[in-house]
Amino acid sequence: AMNMAFCDASLSFDERVQNLLDTFTLNETLSETSNWAGPIPRLNITWFNWWFDAAHGLSQNVDWNRFPTHSATAFPQTIGSGASFNRSLWFKIGDVISTEARAFWNYNATGLTLWDPNINIYRDPRWGRGQETPGEDPFVNAEYGINFVQGMQGNETENAYLKVSVTCKHFDAYSFDNYDNVDRHHFNAIVNGYDMNDT
């Protein structure tokens, strides 16, 4: 696979991606559409899991046995960091987490696709996941998200690549996990205009 165009660093990112997509068979394409993306041996592509949580440090789906220290830095829960109102702190937390993710990646112990931060607006303690959010203020949540993501991803123009890829969780109208035997995967939410604007 090393002699294929998608491995040629002299080509643009868009050209490399297009070549890779053109190289996939239909079954190979389908194998890459879940968070546990399958290996494609003929292209020397290994499996990839793109669901790793890292809101306050590497945590979910990390293979701790592969990394020499068997641990990563644990920062306070997001609601605690959010209460500091310190943008440079939020940036630095993201920067440290993504630097550790890169180190773990070198040992094939974690992925580089991180599903954080959780930018839900914390409106109701009955939700049960408020500690994952910066808090109840939309402005603070937005500022937290901007700084944390920029810290995590690094300066793409300086480095040519992102340090990690970040996906902010629960973009809008999400505060429902499990209630009265109904969960978020089996609930058809019909969100009115007030709720969309309020969150």
C-alpha atoms as a PDB file:
ATOM      1  CA  ALA A   1       0.000   0.000   0.000  1.00  0.00           C
ATOM      2  CA  MET A   2       2.952   2.334   0.508  1.00  0.00           C
ATOM      3  CA  ASN A   3       3.253   2.910  -3.255  1.00  0.00           C
ATOM      4  CA  MET A   4      -0.397   3.949  -3.559  1.00  0.00           C
ATOM      5  CA  ALA A   5      -1.334   7.595  -4.105  1.00  0.00           C
ATOM      6  CA  PHE A   6      -3.087   7.949  -0.745  1.00  0.00           C
ATOM      7  CA  CYS A   7       0.330   7.381   0.909  1.00  0.00           C
ATOM      8  CA  ASP A   8       2.060  10.038  -1.209  1.00  0.00           C
ATOM      9  CA  ALA A   9       2.638  13.034   1.068  1.00  0.00           C
ATOM     10  CA  SER A  10       3.469  15.230  -1.946  1.00  0.00           C
ATOM     11  CA  LEU A  11      -0.201  15.105  -3.014  1.00  0.00           C
ATOM     12  CA  SER A  12      -2.818  17.350  -1.461  1.00  0.00           C
ATOM     13  CA  PHE A  13      -4.956  16.025   1.367  1.00  0.00           C
ATOM     14  CA  ASP A  14      -8.035  16.089  -0.892  1.00  0.00           C
ATOM     15  CA  GLU A  15      -6.242  14.109  -3.619  1.00  0.00           C
ATOM     16  CA  ARG A  16      -5.095  11.500  -1.112  1.00  0.00           C
ATOM     17  CA  VAL A  17      -8.557  11.090   0.396  1.00  0.00           C
ATOM     18  CA  GLN A  18     -10.167  10.798  -3.032  1.00  0.00           C
ATOM     19  CA  ASN A  19      -7.637   8.154  -4.073  1.00  0.00           C
ATOM     20  CA  LEU A  20      -8.288   6.155  -0.910  1.00  0.00           C
ATOM     21  CA  LEU A  21     -12.054   6.307  -1.417  1.00  0.00           C
ATOM     22  CA  ASP A  22     -11.685   5.306  -5.069  1.00  0.00           C
ATOM     23  CA  THR A  23      -9.517   2.351  -3.992  1.00  0.00           C
ATOM     24  CA  PHE A  24     -12.114   0.901  -1.597  1.00  0.00           C
ATOM     25  CA  THR A  25     -14.506  -1.783  -2.756  1.00  0.00           C
ATOM     26  CA  LEU A  26     -18.140  -1.422  -1.692  1.00  0.00           C
ATOM     27  CA  ASN A  27     -17.674  -3.976   1.117  1.00  0.00           C
ATOM     28  CA  GLU A  28     -14.531  -2.191   2.308  1.00  0.00           C
ATOM     29  CA  THR A  29     -16.390   1.107   2.352  1.00  0.00           C
ATOM     30  CA  LEU A  30     -19.187  -0.430   4.417  1.00  0.00           C
ATOM     31  CA  SER A  31     -16.665  -1.944   6.846  1.00  0.00           C
ATOM     32  CA  GLU A  32     -15.445   1.569   7.678  1.00  0.00           C
ATOM     33  CA  THR A  33     -18.839   3.037   8.602  1.00  0.00           C
ATOM     34  CA  SER A  34     -19.095   2.019  12.261  1.00  0.00           C
ATOM     35  CA  ASN A  35     -17.038   3.211  15.186  1.00  0.00           C
ATOM     36  CA  TRP A  36     -15.114  -0.105  15.020  1.00  0.00           C
ATOM     37  CA  ALA A  37     -13.840   0.294  11.458  1.00  0.00           C
ATOM     38  CA  GLY A  38     -12.517  -3.004  10.154  1.00  0.00           C
ATOM     39  CA  PRO A  39      -9.052  -3.716   8.760  1.00  0.00           C
ATOM     40  CA  ILE A  40      -8.362  -3.731   5.027  1.00  0.00           C
ATOM     41  CA  PRO A  41      -5.294  -5.986   4.764  1.00  0.00           C
ATOM     42  CA  ARG A  42      -4.721  -5.515   1.015  1.00  0.00           C
ATOM     43  CA  LEU A  43      -4.197  -1.787   1.668  1.00  0.00           C
ATOM     44  CA  ASN A  44      -2.252  -2.323   4.904  1.00  0.00           C
ATOM     45  CA  ILE A  45      -5.022  -0.560   6.842  1.00  0.00           C
ATOM     46  CA  THR A  46      -5.525  -1.847  10.376  1.00  0.00           C
ATOM     47  CA  TRP A  47      -8.758  -1.704  12.388  1.00  0.00           C
ATOM     48  CA  PHE A  48      -9.661   1.680  13.783  1.00  0.00           C
ATOM     49  CA  ASN A  49     -11.980   2.635  16.607  1.00  0.00           C
ATOM     50  CA  TRP A  50     -13.085   6.239  16.325  1.00  0.00           C
ATOM     51  CA  TRP A  51     -14.966   6.421  19.612  1.00  0.00           C
ATOM     52  CA  PHE A  52     -12.682   7.576  22.401  1.00  0.00           C
ATOM     53  CA  ASP A  53     -13.820   9.823  25.216  1.00  0.00           C
ATOM     54  CA  ALA A  54     -11.357  12.275  26.699  1.00  0.00           C
ATOM     55  CA  ALA A  55     -13.342  15.036  28.413  1.00  0.00           C
ATOM     56  CA  HIS A  56     -10.959  15.195  31.360  1.00  0.00           C
ATOM     57  CA  GLY A  57      -8.241  12.817  30.188  1.00  0.00           C
ATOM     58  CA  LEU A  58      -8.003   9.625  28.165  1.00  0.00           C
ATOM     59  CA  SER A  59     -10.512   7.118  29.471  1.00  0.00           C
ATOM     60  CA  GLN A  60     -12.847   5.021  27.336  1.00  0.00           C
ATOM     61  CA  ASN A  61     -11.513   2.255  25.050  1.00  0.00           C
ATOM     62  CA  VAL A  62      -7.849   2.804  25.964  1.00  0.00           C
ATOM     63  CA  ASP A  63      -5.621  -0.275  26.025  1.00  0.00           C
ATOM     64  CA  TRP A  64      -3.765   0.570  29.223  1.00  0.00           C
ATOM     65  CA  ASN A  65      -1.555  -2.524  29.038  1.00  0.00           C
ATOM     66  CA  ARG A  66       0.171  -1.330  25.858  1.00  0.00           C
ATOM     67  CA  PHE A  67       1.423   1.964  27.286  1.00  0.00           C
ATOM     68  CA  PRO A  68       4.455   1.949  29.627  1.00  0.00           C
ATOM     69  CA  THR A  69       2.891   4.021  32.430  1.00  0.00           C
ATOM     70  CA  HIS A  70      -0.495   2.248  32.254  1.00  0.00           C
ATOM     71  CA  SER A  71      -2.146   5.579  33.054  1.00  0.00           C
ATOM     72  CA  ALA A  72      -2.862   9.074  31.764  1.00  0.00           C
ATOM     73  CA  THR A  73      -3.394  12.462  33.380  1.00  0.00           C
ATOM     74  CA  ALA A  74      -6.843  12.846  34.944  1.00  0.00           C
ATOM     75  CA  PHE A  75      -8.180  16.392  35.022  1.00  0.00           C
ATOM     76  CA  PRO A  76     -11.197  17.560  37.064  1.00  0.00           C
ATOM     77  CA  GLN A  77     -14.656  16.852  35.681  1.00  0.00           C
ATOM     78  CA  THR A  78     -15.606  19.343  32.981  1.00  0.00           C
ATOM     79  CA  ILE A  79     -18.103  21.173  35.196  1.00  0.00           C
ATOM     80  CA  GLY A  80     -15.262  21.928  37.624  1.00  0.00           C
ATOM     81  CA  SER A  81     -12.943  23.184  34.896  1.00  0.00           C
ATOM     82  CA  GLY A  82     -15.810  25.187  33.395  1.00  0.00           C
ATOM     83  CA  ALA A  83     -16.388  26.905  36.742  1.00  0.00           C
ATOM     84  CA  SER A  84     -12.862  28.355  36.574  1.00  0.00           C
ATOM     85  CA  PHE A  85     -13.918  30.638  33.652  1.00  0.00           C
ATOM     86  CA  ASN A  86     -10.297  30.317  32.492  1.00  0.00           C
ATOM     87  CA  ARG A  87     -10.030  30.057  28.706  1.00  0.00           C
ATOM     88  CA  SER A  88      -6.270  29.439  28.713  1.00  0.00           C
ATOM     89  CA  LEU A  89      -6.776  26.574  31.192  1.00  0.00           C
ATOM     90  CA  TRP A  90      -9.397  24.971  28.931  1.00  0.00           C
ATOM     91  CA  PHE A  91      -7.023  25.267  25.965  1.00  0.00           C
ATOM     92  CA  LYS A  92      -4.128  23.766  27.950  1.00  0.00           C
ATOM     93  CA  ILE A  93      -6.225  20.832  29.195  1.00  0.00           C
ATOM     94  CA  GLY A  94      -7.123  20.030  25.583  1.00  0.00           C
ATOM     95  CA  ASP A  95      -3.489  20.390  24.524  1.00  0.00           C
ATOM     96  CA  VAL A  96      -2.213  18.016  27.229  1.00  0.00           C
ATOM     97  CA  ILE A  97      -4.915  15.407  26.542  1.00  0.00           C
ATOM     98  CA  SER A  98      -4.169  15.380  22.812  1.00  0.00           C
ATOM     99  CA  THR A  99      -0.410  15.188  23.425  1.00  0.00           C
ATOM    100  CA  GLU A 100      -1.003  12.124  25.611  1.00  0.00           C
ATOM    101  CA  ALA A 101      -3.340  10.671  22.982  1.00  0.00           C
ATOM    102  CA  ARG A 102      -0.528  10.992  20.418  1.00  0.00           C
ATOM    103  CA  ALA A 103       1.843   9.208  22.804  1.00  0.00           C
ATOM    104  CA  PHE A 104      -0.670   6.395  23.397  1.00  0.00           C
ATOM    105  CA  TRP A 105      -1.267   6.208  19.627  1.00  0.00           C
ATOM    106  CA  ASN A 106       2.432   5.481  19.134  1.00  0.00           C
ATOM    107  CA  TYR A 107       1.874   2.327  21.210  1.00  0.00           C
ATOM    108  CA  ASN A 108      -1.375   1.433  19.396  1.00  0.00           C
ATOM    109  CA  ALA A 109      -3.181   1.960  22.722  1.00  0.00           C
ATOM    110  CA  THR A 110      -5.778   4.559  21.706  1.00  0.00           C
ATOM    111  CA  GLY A 111      -7.246   6.310  18.705  1.00  0.00           C
ATOM    112  CA  LEU A 112      -6.942   9.881  17.566  1.00  0.00           C
ATOM    113  CA  THR A 113     -10.655  10.584  17.203  1.00  0.00           C
ATOM    114  CA  LEU A 114     -11.972  11.957  20.464  1.00  0.00           C
ATOM    115  CA  TRP A 115     -15.640  12.602  21.223  1.00  0.00           C
ATOM    116  CA  ASP A 116     -15.339  15.608  23.478  1.00  0.00           C
ATOM    117  CA  PRO A 117     -16.104  18.103  24.819  1.00  0.00           C
ATOM    118  CA  ASN A 118     -19.713  17.627  25.837  1.00  0.00           C
ATOM    119  CA  ILE A 119     -21.226  21.053  25.173  1.00  0.00           C
ATOM    120  CA  ASN A 120     -24.758  20.339  26.350  1.00  0.00           C
ATOM    121  CA  ILE A 121     -26.388  23.138  28.279  1.00  0.00           C
ATOM    122  CA  TYR A 122     -26.852  21.775  31.790  1.00  0.00           C
ATOM    123  CA  ARG A 123     -30.448  22.677  32.550  1.00  0.00           C
ATOM    124  CA  ASP A 124     -31.818  19.881  34.715  1.00  0.00           C
ATOM    125  CA  PRO A 125     -29.920  17.774  37.292  1.00  0.00           C
ATOM    126  CA  ARG A 126     -32.240  14.834  36.640  1.00  0.00           C
ATOM    127  CA  TRP A 127     -30.363  14.269  33.384  1.00  0.00           C
ATOM    128  CA  GLY A 128     -27.530  12.731  35.401  1.00  0.00           C
ATOM    129  CA  ARG A 129     -24.620  13.756  33.179  1.00  0.00           C
ATOM    130  CA  GLY A 130     -24.205  17.406  34.125  1.00  0.00           C
ATOM    131  CA  GLN A 131     -20.661  16.838  35.402  1.00  0.00           C
ATOM    132  CA  GLU A 132     -19.622  16.202  31.771  1.00  0.00           C
ATOM    133  CA  THR A 133     -20.585  19.738  30.703  1.00  0.00           C
ATOM    134  CA  PRO A 134     -19.061  23.168  31.353  1.00  0.00           C
ATOM    135  CA  GLY A 135     -22.347  24.288  32.950  1.00  0.00           C
ATOM    136  CA  GLU A 136     -25.647  25.985  32.270  1.00  0.00           C
ATOM    137  CA  ASP A 137     -24.486  29.155  30.523  1.00  0.00           C
ATOM    138  CA  PRO A 138     -24.499  29.049  26.701  1.00  0.00           C
ATOM    139  CA  PHE A 139     -21.685  31.624  26.443  1.00  0.00           C
ATOM    140  CA  VAL A 140     -19.395  29.721  28.829  1.00  0.00           C
ATOM    141  CA  ASN A 141     -20.142  26.433  27.043  1.00  0.00           C
ATOM    142  CA  ALA A 142     -19.317  28.000  23.684  1.00  0.00           C
ATOM    143  CA  GLU A 143     -16.048  29.486  24.963  1.00  0.00           C
ATOM    144  CA  TYR A 144     -15.144  26.203  26.644  1.00  0.00           C
ATOM    145  CA  GLY A 145     -15.827  24.304  23.413  1.00  0.00           C
ATOM    146  CA  ILE A 146     -13.775  26.683  21.271  1.00  0.00           C
ATOM    147  CA  ASN A 147     -10.730  26.681  23.550  1.00  0.00           C
ATOM    148  CA  PHE A 148     -10.792  22.972  24.405  1.00  0.00           C
ATOM    149  CA  VAL A 149     -11.137  21.968  20.725  1.00  0.00           C
ATOM    150  CA  GLN A 150      -8.367  24.337  19.606  1.00  0.00           C
ATOM    151  CA  GLY A 151      -6.104  22.944  22.325  1.00  0.00           C
ATOM    152  CA  MET A 152      -6.930  19.368  21.346  1.00  0.00           C
ATOM    153  CA  GLN A 153      -6.538  19.750  17.593  1.00  0.00           C
ATOM    154  CA  GLY A 154      -3.463  21.969  17.604  1.00  0.00           C
ATOM    155  CA  ASN A 155      -2.509  24.420  14.880  1.00  0.00           C
ATOM    156  CA  GLU A 156      -3.249  22.662  11.594  1.00  0.00           C
ATOM    157  CA  THR A 157      -1.652  25.380   9.471  1.00  0.00           C
ATOM    158  CA  GLU A 158       1.612  25.149  11.426  1.00  0.00           C
ATOM    159  CA  ASN A 159       1.741  21.360  11.650  1.00  0.00           C
ATOM    160  CA  ALA A 160      -0.012  20.277   8.411  1.00  0.00           C
ATOM    161  CA  TYR A 161      -2.166  17.803  10.381  1.00  0.00           C
ATOM    162  CA  LEU A 162      -4.492  17.865  13.352  1.00  0.00           C
ATOM    163  CA  LYS A 163      -3.059  16.448  16.581  1.00  0.00           C
ATOM    164  CA  VAL A 164      -6.363  14.638  17.075  1.00  0.00           C
ATOM    165  CA  SER A 165      -9.788  14.902  15.510  1.00  0.00           C
ATOM    166  CA  VAL A 166     -12.418  16.230  17.916  1.00  0.00           C
ATOM    167  CA  THR A 167     -16.175  15.751  17.782  1.00  0.00           C
ATOM    168  CA  CYS A 168     -18.195  17.912  20.154  1.00  0.00           C
ATOM    169  CA  LYS A 169     -20.867  15.783  21.724  1.00  0.00           C
ATOM    170  CA  HIS A 170     -24.591  16.352  21.739  1.00  0.00           C
ATOM    171  CA  PHE A 171     -24.836  19.382  19.501  1.00  0.00           C
ATOM    172  CA  ASP A 172     -28.394  20.275  20.405  1.00  0.00           C
ATOM    173  CA  ALA A 173     -31.514  19.099  22.185  1.00  0.00           C
ATOM    174  CA  TYR A 174     -29.818  16.218  23.926  1.00  0.00           C
ATOM    175  CA  SER A 175     -30.462  15.629  27.587  1.00  0.00           C
ATOM    176  CA  PHE A 176     -32.117  12.244  27.536  1.00  0.00           C
ATOM    177  CA  ASP A 177     -30.455   8.960  28.426  1.00  0.00           C
ATOM    178  CA  ASN A 178     -32.953   6.568  29.916  1.00  0.00           C
ATOM    179  CA  TYR A 179     -36.352   7.260  31.390  1.00  0.00           C
ATOM    180  CA  ASP A 180     -39.328   4.989  31.907  1.00  0.00           C
ATOM    181  CA  ASN A 181     -37.763   2.196  29.791  1.00  0.00           C
ATOM    182  CA  VAL A 182     -37.138   4.511  26.842  1.00  0.00           C
ATOM    183  CA  ASP A 183     -33.553   5.344  25.852  1.00  0.00           C
ATOM    184  CA  ARG A 184     -31.932   7.829  23.512  1.00  0.00           C
ATOM    185  CA  HIS A 185     -31.500   5.225  20.767  1.00  0.00           C
ATOM    186  CA  HIS A 186     -35.210   4.444  20.536  1.00  0.00           C
ATOM    187  CA  PHE A 187     -36.840   7.824  21.055  1.00  0.00           C
ATOM    188  CA  ASN A 188     -38.140  10.044  18.271  1.00  0.00           C
ATOM    189  CA  ALA A 189     -37.532  13.491  19.722  1.00  0.00           C
ATOM    190  CA  ILE A 190     -39.738  16.183  18.322  1.00  0.00           C
ATOM    191  CA  VAL A 191     -38.079  19.399  19.439  1.00  0.00           C
ATOM    192  CA  ASN A 192     -40.059  22.623  19.406  1.00  0.00           C
ATOM    193  CA  GLY A 193     -38.586  26.023  18.576  1.00  0.00           C
ATOM    194  CA  TYR A 194     -38.442  27.121  22.204  1.00  0.00           C
ATOM    195  CA  ASP A 195     -36.334  24.107  23.229  1.00  0.00           C
ATOM    196  CA  MET A 196     -34.009  24.522  20.233  1.00  0.00           C
ATOM    197  CA  ASN A 197     -33.387  28.167  21.130  1.00  0.00           C
ATOM    198  CA  ASP A 198     -33.145  27.469  24.853  1.00  0.00           C
ATOM    199  CA  THR A 199     -30.343  24.936  24.464  1.00  0.00           C
END
